[in-house]
Amino acid sequence: MSEPTGKRAVHTPGAPRPAGAYSQGVEAGGFLFTAGFGPQDPVTGAVPDGVGAQTAQVLRNVGAVLAERGMSMRDVVKVTAHLHHLERDFAAYDEAYRAFFDEPFPVRTTVGSDLMRILVEIDVVALLPDPGLPG
């Protein structure tokens, strides 16, 4: 159901529940925007050790929101990633990230951030499928 503002929330049990007043994802203007996800397992709440394992879990969480709308990482056009230890962890993060994306890679911004008890947080923007195209 569309909201009066032209945006539609996306919810899935396959990603961690919001910890505050935000949606897991929102469709608007032909795009799906995800929340910034951390590495929490959506079922157990467990956080894996190490930035590589955390990056993989974050991207599985993001992927669950995309999958709720029949989308995949191939539809992602923009990634914003926050690393708690940017210089120390960038190589391991990038290696784990590459397992989820193929060329042409989405554009990406990676910044250092003061994260609470996690090493990585990522949000994405994905292009919604054209409803007029077979799919």
N, C-alpha and C. Protein backbone atom coordinates (compact mmCIF):
# COMPACT_ATOMS: atom_id res chain seq x y z
N MET A 1 0.84 -1.18 0.00
CA MET A 1 0.00 0.00 0.00
C MET A 1 0.88 1.24 0.00
N SER A 2 0.57 2.19 -0.86
CA SER A 2 1.35 3.43 -0.93
C SER A 2 0.93 4.38 0.17
N GLU A 3 1.90 5.11 0.67
CA GLU A 3 1.65 6.14 1.65
C GLU A 3 1.26 7.41 0.90
N PRO A 4 0.57 8.34 1.54
CA PRO A 4 0.18 9.59 0.86
C PRO A 4 1.37 10.39 0.33
N THR A 5 2.53 10.21 0.88
CA THR A 5 3.71 10.97 0.47
C THR A 5 4.38 10.37 -0.75
N GLY A 6 3.91 9.24 -1.24
CA GLY A 6 4.56 8.59 -2.36
C GLY A 6 5.67 7.66 -1.93
N LYS A 7 5.79 7.41 -0.64
CA LYS A 7 6.80 6.46 -0.18
C LYS A 7 6.11 5.27 0.47
N ARG A 8 6.80 4.14 0.44
CA ARG A 8 6.25 2.90 0.97
C ARG A 8 7.32 2.20 1.79
N ALA A 9 6.99 1.86 3.03
CA ALA A 9 7.93 1.15 3.89
C ALA A 9 8.05 -0.31 3.46
N VAL A 10 9.26 -0.87 3.64
CA VAL A 10 9.53 -2.28 3.37
C VAL A 10 9.97 -2.91 4.68
N HIS A 11 9.34 -4.02 5.04
CA HIS A 11 9.67 -4.72 6.29
C HIS A 11 9.91 -6.19 5.98
N THR A 12 10.85 -6.81 6.69
CA THR A 12 11.10 -8.23 6.55
C THR A 12 11.63 -8.80 7.86
N PRO A 13 11.25 -10.02 8.21
CA PRO A 13 11.84 -10.67 9.38
C PRO A 13 13.27 -11.16 9.10
N GLY A 14 13.69 -11.08 7.83
CA GLY A 14 15.03 -11.53 7.45
C GLY A 14 16.14 -10.55 7.77
N ALA A 15 15.78 -9.38 8.32
CA ALA A 15 16.77 -8.37 8.72
C ALA A 15 16.45 -7.95 10.15
N PRO A 16 17.44 -7.43 10.86
CA PRO A 16 17.17 -7.01 12.24
C PRO A 16 16.05 -5.98 12.32
N ARG A 17 15.26 -6.10 13.37
CA ARG A 17 14.17 -5.13 13.60
C ARG A 17 14.76 -3.76 13.92
N PRO A 18 14.09 -2.71 13.50
CA PRO A 18 14.59 -1.37 13.83
C PRO A 18 14.71 -1.16 15.34
N ALA A 19 15.79 -0.51 15.73
CA ALA A 19 16.04 -0.21 17.14
C ALA A 19 15.49 1.16 17.52
N GLY A 20 14.86 1.83 16.57
CA GLY A 20 14.33 3.17 16.82
C GLY A 20 13.24 3.48 15.82
N ALA A 21 12.99 4.75 15.64
CA ALA A 21 11.91 5.21 14.76
C ALA A 21 12.40 5.32 13.31
N TYR A 22 12.57 4.17 12.67
CA TYR A 22 12.96 4.13 11.26
C TYR A 22 12.48 2.83 10.64
N SER A 23 12.38 2.81 9.33
CA SER A 23 11.99 1.61 8.58
C SER A 23 13.23 0.86 8.13
N GLN A 24 13.09 -0.43 7.90
CA GLN A 24 14.18 -1.21 7.33
C GLN A 24 14.50 -0.73 5.92
N GLY A 25 13.47 -0.37 5.20
CA GLY A 25 13.64 0.15 3.86
C GLY A 25 12.46 1.03 3.49
N VAL A 26 12.67 1.91 2.52
CA VAL A 26 11.60 2.77 2.02
C VAL A 26 11.75 2.87 0.51
N GLU A 27 10.63 2.64 -0.19
CA GLU A 27 10.57 2.85 -1.63
C GLU A 27 10.10 4.27 -1.88
N ALA A 28 10.78 4.97 -2.76
CA ALA A 28 10.36 6.32 -3.15
C ALA A 28 11.07 6.69 -4.45
N GLY A 29 10.38 7.35 -5.34
CA GLY A 29 10.98 7.89 -6.55
C GLY A 29 11.69 6.89 -7.43
N GLY A 30 11.22 5.64 -7.44
CA GLY A 30 11.84 4.62 -8.29
C GLY A 30 13.04 3.93 -7.67
N PHE A 31 13.30 4.21 -6.38
CA PHE A 31 14.44 3.61 -5.68
C PHE A 31 13.98 2.96 -4.39
N LEU A 32 14.77 2.02 -3.91
CA LEU A 32 14.61 1.45 -2.58
C LEU A 32 15.82 1.89 -1.77
N PHE A 33 15.56 2.56 -0.67
CA PHE A 33 16.60 3.04 0.26
C PHE A 33 16.55 2.14 1.49
N THR A 34 17.69 1.60 1.90
CA THR A 34 17.68 0.80 3.12
C THR A 34 18.20 1.63 4.30
N ALA A 35 17.82 1.17 5.47
CA ALA A 35 18.39 1.72 6.69
C ALA A 35 19.86 1.32 6.76
N GLY A 36 20.59 1.96 7.62
CA GLY A 36 21.95 1.52 7.90
C GLY A 36 21.88 0.30 8.80
N PHE A 37 22.34 -0.85 8.29
CA PHE A 37 22.30 -2.09 9.06
C PHE A 37 23.64 -2.38 9.68
N GLY A 38 23.59 -2.90 10.89
CA GLY A 38 24.76 -3.43 11.56
C GLY A 38 24.81 -4.93 11.34
N PRO A 39 25.76 -5.60 12.00
CA PRO A 39 26.01 -7.02 11.76
C PRO A 39 25.23 -7.98 12.65
N GLN A 40 24.13 -7.53 13.23
CA GLN A 40 23.36 -8.40 14.11
C GLN A 40 22.63 -9.46 13.30
N ASP A 41 22.69 -10.70 13.76
CA ASP A 41 21.90 -11.77 13.17
C ASP A 41 20.43 -11.46 13.48
N PRO A 42 19.53 -11.49 12.48
CA PRO A 42 18.15 -11.09 12.73
C PRO A 42 17.39 -12.04 13.65
N VAL A 43 17.85 -13.27 13.81
CA VAL A 43 17.16 -14.24 14.65
C VAL A 43 17.72 -14.24 16.06
N THR A 44 19.05 -14.30 16.18
CA THR A 44 19.67 -14.46 17.50
C THR A 44 20.17 -13.14 18.10
N GLY A 45 20.40 -12.14 17.25
CA GLY A 45 20.99 -10.89 17.71
C GLY A 45 22.49 -10.95 17.87
N ALA A 46 23.08 -12.12 17.61
CA ALA A 46 24.53 -12.29 17.76
C ALA A 46 25.28 -11.45 16.74
N VAL A 47 26.45 -10.97 17.14
CA VAL A 47 27.33 -10.19 16.27
C VAL A 47 28.61 -10.99 16.07
N PRO A 48 28.97 -11.30 14.82
CA PRO A 48 30.19 -12.08 14.58
C PRO A 48 31.44 -11.27 14.90
N ASP A 49 32.54 -11.97 15.10
CA ASP A 49 33.83 -11.33 15.37
C ASP A 49 34.50 -10.96 14.05
N GLY A 50 35.18 -9.83 14.04
CA GLY A 50 36.00 -9.43 12.90
C GLY A 50 35.22 -8.67 11.84
N VAL A 51 35.91 -7.74 11.19
CA VAL A 51 35.23 -6.89 10.22
C VAL A 51 34.77 -7.65 8.98
N GLY A 52 35.50 -8.67 8.56
CA GLY A 52 35.07 -9.44 7.39
C GLY A 52 33.76 -10.16 7.64
N ALA A 53 33.65 -10.85 8.76
CA ALA A 53 32.42 -11.57 9.11
C ALA A 53 31.29 -10.58 9.37
N GLN A 54 31.59 -9.45 9.98
CA GLN A 54 30.56 -8.45 10.22
C GLN A 54 30.06 -7.85 8.91
N THR A 55 30.96 -7.58 7.98
CA THR A 55 30.56 -7.04 6.68
C THR A 55 29.63 -8.02 5.96
N ALA A 56 29.98 -9.29 5.99
CA ALA A 56 29.14 -10.30 5.33
C ALA A 56 27.75 -10.34 5.95
N GLN A 57 27.66 -10.27 7.28
CA GLN A 57 26.34 -10.30 7.93
C GLN A 57 25.55 -9.04 7.61
N VAL A 58 26.21 -7.89 7.62
CA VAL A 58 25.53 -6.64 7.26
C VAL A 58 24.94 -6.75 5.86
N LEU A 59 25.72 -7.25 4.92
CA LEU A 59 25.24 -7.33 3.54
C LEU A 59 24.15 -8.39 3.38
N ARG A 60 24.16 -9.44 4.20
CA ARG A 60 23.03 -10.38 4.19
C ARG A 60 21.78 -9.68 4.71
N ASN A 61 21.92 -8.83 5.74
CA ASN A 61 20.78 -8.08 6.26
C ASN A 61 20.22 -7.14 5.19
N VAL A 62 21.10 -6.42 4.52
CA VAL A 62 20.68 -5.53 3.43
C VAL A 62 20.00 -6.35 2.33
N GLY A 63 20.59 -7.47 1.98
CA GLY A 63 20.04 -8.34 0.94
C GLY A 63 18.64 -8.84 1.27
N ALA A 64 18.37 -9.05 2.55
CA ALA A 64 17.03 -9.52 2.96
C ALA A 64 15.98 -8.46 2.67
N VAL A 65 16.31 -7.19 2.87
CA VAL A 65 15.36 -6.11 2.56
C VAL A 65 15.15 -6.04 1.05
N LEU A 66 16.21 -6.15 0.28
CA LEU A 66 16.07 -6.15 -1.18
C LEU A 66 15.22 -7.34 -1.64
N ALA A 67 15.49 -8.51 -1.08
CA ALA A 67 14.76 -9.72 -1.48
C ALA A 67 13.28 -9.61 -1.18
N GLU A 68 12.93 -8.88 -0.14
CA GLU A 68 11.51 -8.69 0.20
C GLU A 68 10.75 -8.05 -0.96
N ARG A 69 11.45 -7.32 -1.80
CA ARG A 69 10.84 -6.68 -2.98
C ARG A 69 11.27 -7.37 -4.28
N GLY A 70 11.81 -8.59 -4.18
CA GLY A 70 12.19 -9.34 -5.37
C GLY A 70 13.45 -8.80 -6.02
N MET A 71 14.28 -8.14 -5.26
CA MET A 71 15.50 -7.52 -5.78
C MET A 71 16.74 -8.24 -5.24
N SER A 72 17.90 -7.87 -5.77
CA SER A 72 19.16 -8.44 -5.31
C SER A 72 20.24 -7.36 -5.30
N MET A 73 21.42 -7.75 -4.93
CA MET A 73 22.55 -6.81 -4.90
C MET A 73 22.84 -6.25 -6.30
N ARG A 74 22.44 -6.95 -7.35
CA ARG A 74 22.63 -6.44 -8.72
C ARG A 74 21.87 -5.14 -8.94
N ASP A 75 20.83 -4.90 -8.15
CA ASP A 75 20.02 -3.69 -8.29
C ASP A 75 20.58 -2.49 -7.53
N VAL A 76 21.62 -2.70 -6.73
CA VAL A 76 22.18 -1.63 -5.90
C VAL A 76 23.01 -0.68 -6.77
N VAL A 77 22.74 0.62 -6.61
CA VAL A 77 23.48 1.63 -7.36
C VAL A 77 24.39 2.48 -6.48
N LYS A 78 24.14 2.51 -5.15
CA LYS A 78 24.92 3.34 -4.23
C LYS A 78 25.05 2.63 -2.89
N VAL A 79 26.25 2.61 -2.36
CA VAL A 79 26.53 2.02 -1.05
C VAL A 79 27.22 3.07 -0.19
N THR A 80 26.76 3.20 1.05
CA THR A 80 27.46 4.02 2.03
C THR A 80 27.84 3.11 3.19
N ALA A 81 29.11 3.05 3.49
CA ALA A 81 29.61 2.17 4.55
C ALA A 81 30.35 2.99 5.60
N HIS A 82 30.14 2.60 6.83
CA HIS A 82 30.82 3.23 7.97
C HIS A 82 31.67 2.16 8.65
N LEU A 83 32.95 2.45 8.81
CA LEU A 83 33.86 1.53 9.50
C LEU A 83 34.33 2.19 10.79
N HIS A 84 34.31 1.41 11.85
CA HIS A 84 34.77 1.94 13.13
C HIS A 84 36.28 2.23 13.09
N HIS A 85 37.03 1.35 12.42
CA HIS A 85 38.48 1.52 12.27
C HIS A 85 38.80 1.54 10.77
N LEU A 86 38.64 2.69 10.17
CA LEU A 86 38.72 2.81 8.71
C LEU A 86 40.04 2.29 8.15
N GLU A 87 41.15 2.82 8.61
CA GLU A 87 42.44 2.44 8.05
C GLU A 87 42.79 0.98 8.35
N ARG A 88 42.56 0.56 9.59
CA ARG A 88 42.90 -0.80 10.00
C ARG A 88 42.07 -1.85 9.26
N ASP A 89 40.78 -1.59 9.07
CA ASP A 89 39.86 -2.63 8.61
C ASP A 89 39.45 -2.54 7.14
N PHE A 90 39.90 -1.52 6.42
CA PHE A 90 39.40 -1.33 5.06
C PHE A 90 39.66 -2.54 4.17
N ALA A 91 40.85 -3.10 4.18
CA ALA A 91 41.18 -4.21 3.27
C ALA A 91 40.29 -5.43 3.53
N ALA A 92 40.10 -5.80 4.79
CA ALA A 92 39.26 -6.96 5.11
C ALA A 92 37.80 -6.69 4.78
N TYR A 93 37.34 -5.47 5.04
CA TYR A 93 35.98 -5.08 4.67
C TYR A 93 35.79 -5.18 3.16
N ASP A 94 36.73 -4.63 2.39
CA ASP A 94 36.62 -4.62 0.94
C ASP A 94 36.63 -6.04 0.38
N GLU A 95 37.42 -6.91 0.96
CA GLU A 95 37.45 -8.31 0.50
C GLU A 95 36.09 -8.97 0.72
N ALA A 96 35.51 -8.80 1.89
CA ALA A 96 34.20 -9.39 2.16
C ALA A 96 33.13 -8.77 1.27
N TYR A 97 33.20 -7.48 1.06
CA TYR A 97 32.24 -6.74 0.24
C TYR A 97 32.23 -7.29 -1.19
N ARG A 98 33.39 -7.57 -1.74
CA ARG A 98 33.50 -8.03 -3.13
C ARG A 98 32.76 -9.35 -3.38
N ALA A 99 32.55 -10.14 -2.34
CA ALA A 99 31.83 -11.40 -2.49
C ALA A 99 30.34 -11.17 -2.77
N PHE A 100 29.84 -9.96 -2.55
CA PHE A 100 28.42 -9.66 -2.69
C PHE A 100 28.08 -8.87 -3.95
N PHE A 101 29.08 -8.32 -4.62
CA PHE A 101 28.83 -7.45 -5.76
C PHE A 101 29.66 -7.86 -6.96
N ASP A 102 29.07 -7.70 -8.15
CA ASP A 102 29.75 -7.94 -9.41
C ASP A 102 29.89 -6.62 -10.15
N GLU A 103 30.77 -6.60 -11.15
CA GLU A 103 30.91 -5.43 -11.99
C GLU A 103 29.70 -5.31 -12.91
N PRO A 104 29.23 -4.14 -13.20
CA PRO A 104 29.76 -2.88 -12.70
C PRO A 104 29.36 -2.68 -11.24
N PHE A 105 30.35 -2.41 -10.40
CA PHE A 105 30.11 -2.21 -8.98
C PHE A 105 29.28 -0.96 -8.75
N PRO A 106 28.48 -0.94 -7.67
CA PRO A 106 27.79 0.30 -7.34
C PRO A 106 28.80 1.38 -6.94
N VAL A 107 28.40 2.63 -7.02
CA VAL A 107 29.26 3.67 -6.45
C VAL A 107 29.27 3.45 -4.94
N ARG A 108 30.35 3.90 -4.29
CA ARG A 108 30.49 3.61 -2.86
C ARG A 108 31.19 4.74 -2.15
N THR A 109 30.72 5.04 -0.97
CA THR A 109 31.39 5.94 -0.04
C THR A 109 31.68 5.14 1.22
N THR A 110 32.93 5.16 1.67
CA THR A 110 33.31 4.46 2.89
C THR A 110 33.98 5.47 3.81
N VAL A 111 33.43 5.61 5.01
CA VAL A 111 33.93 6.61 5.95
C VAL A 111 34.20 5.97 7.31
N GLY A 112 35.04 6.62 8.09
CA GLY A 112 35.27 6.22 9.47
C GLY A 112 34.22 6.84 10.35
N SER A 113 33.64 6.05 11.25
CA SER A 113 32.58 6.52 12.13
C SER A 113 32.75 5.91 13.51
N ASP A 114 32.24 6.61 14.49
CA ASP A 114 32.24 6.12 15.87
C ASP A 114 31.01 5.25 16.06
N LEU A 115 31.15 3.94 15.86
CA LEU A 115 30.03 3.01 15.94
C LEU A 115 29.96 2.37 17.33
N MET A 116 28.75 2.07 17.76
CA MET A 116 28.57 1.48 19.09
C MET A 116 28.66 -0.03 19.05
N ARG A 117 29.74 -0.60 19.55
CA ARG A 117 29.93 -2.04 19.74
C ARG A 117 29.86 -2.86 18.46
N ILE A 118 30.04 -2.22 17.29
CA ILE A 118 30.13 -2.93 16.02
C ILE A 118 31.25 -2.30 15.20
N LEU A 119 31.69 -3.01 14.17
CA LEU A 119 32.80 -2.54 13.34
C LEU A 119 32.35 -1.95 12.01
N VAL A 120 31.12 -2.29 11.56
CA VAL A 120 30.68 -1.83 10.24
C VAL A 120 29.16 -1.63 10.22
N GLU A 121 28.73 -0.60 9.49
CA GLU A 121 27.32 -0.35 9.22
C GLU A 121 27.21 0.08 7.77
N ILE A 122 26.20 -0.44 7.07
CA ILE A 122 26.06 -0.15 5.63
C ILE A 122 24.60 0.11 5.29
N ASP A 123 24.38 1.11 4.43
CA ASP A 123 23.06 1.31 3.82
C ASP A 123 23.26 1.39 2.32
N VAL A 124 22.19 1.10 1.56
CA VAL A 124 22.27 1.12 0.11
C VAL A 124 21.07 1.83 -0.50
N VAL A 125 21.24 2.20 -1.75
CA VAL A 125 20.16 2.67 -2.61
C VAL A 125 20.13 1.73 -3.80
N ALA A 126 18.94 1.20 -4.10
CA ALA A 126 18.79 0.26 -5.21
C ALA A 126 17.70 0.75 -6.15
N LEU A 127 17.89 0.49 -7.43
CA LEU A 127 16.93 0.88 -8.47
C LEU A 127 15.81 -0.15 -8.51
N LEU A 128 14.58 0.30 -8.29
CA LEU A 128 13.43 -0.59 -8.36
C LEU A 128 13.23 -1.05 -9.80
N PRO A 129 12.73 -2.26 -9.99
CA PRO A 129 12.47 -2.73 -11.34
C PRO A 129 11.40 -1.86 -12.00
N ASP A 130 11.54 -1.68 -13.30
CA ASP A 130 10.54 -0.93 -14.06
C ASP A 130 9.31 -1.81 -14.17
N PRO A 131 8.15 -1.34 -13.64
CA PRO A 131 6.96 -2.18 -13.68
C PRO A 131 6.48 -2.50 -15.10
N GLY A 132 6.95 -1.74 -16.07
CA GLY A 132 6.55 -1.99 -17.46
C GLY A 132 7.41 -3.02 -18.16
N LEU A 133 8.50 -3.46 -17.51
CA LEU A 133 9.40 -4.42 -18.13
C LEU A 133 9.11 -5.82 -17.58
N PRO A 134 9.27 -6.84 -18.42
CA PRO A 134 9.08 -8.22 -17.91
C PRO A 134 10.19 -8.53 -16.91
N GLY A 135 9.83 -9.33 -15.93
CA GLY A 135 10.82 -9.49 -15.01
C GLY A 135 11.33 -10.52 -14.30
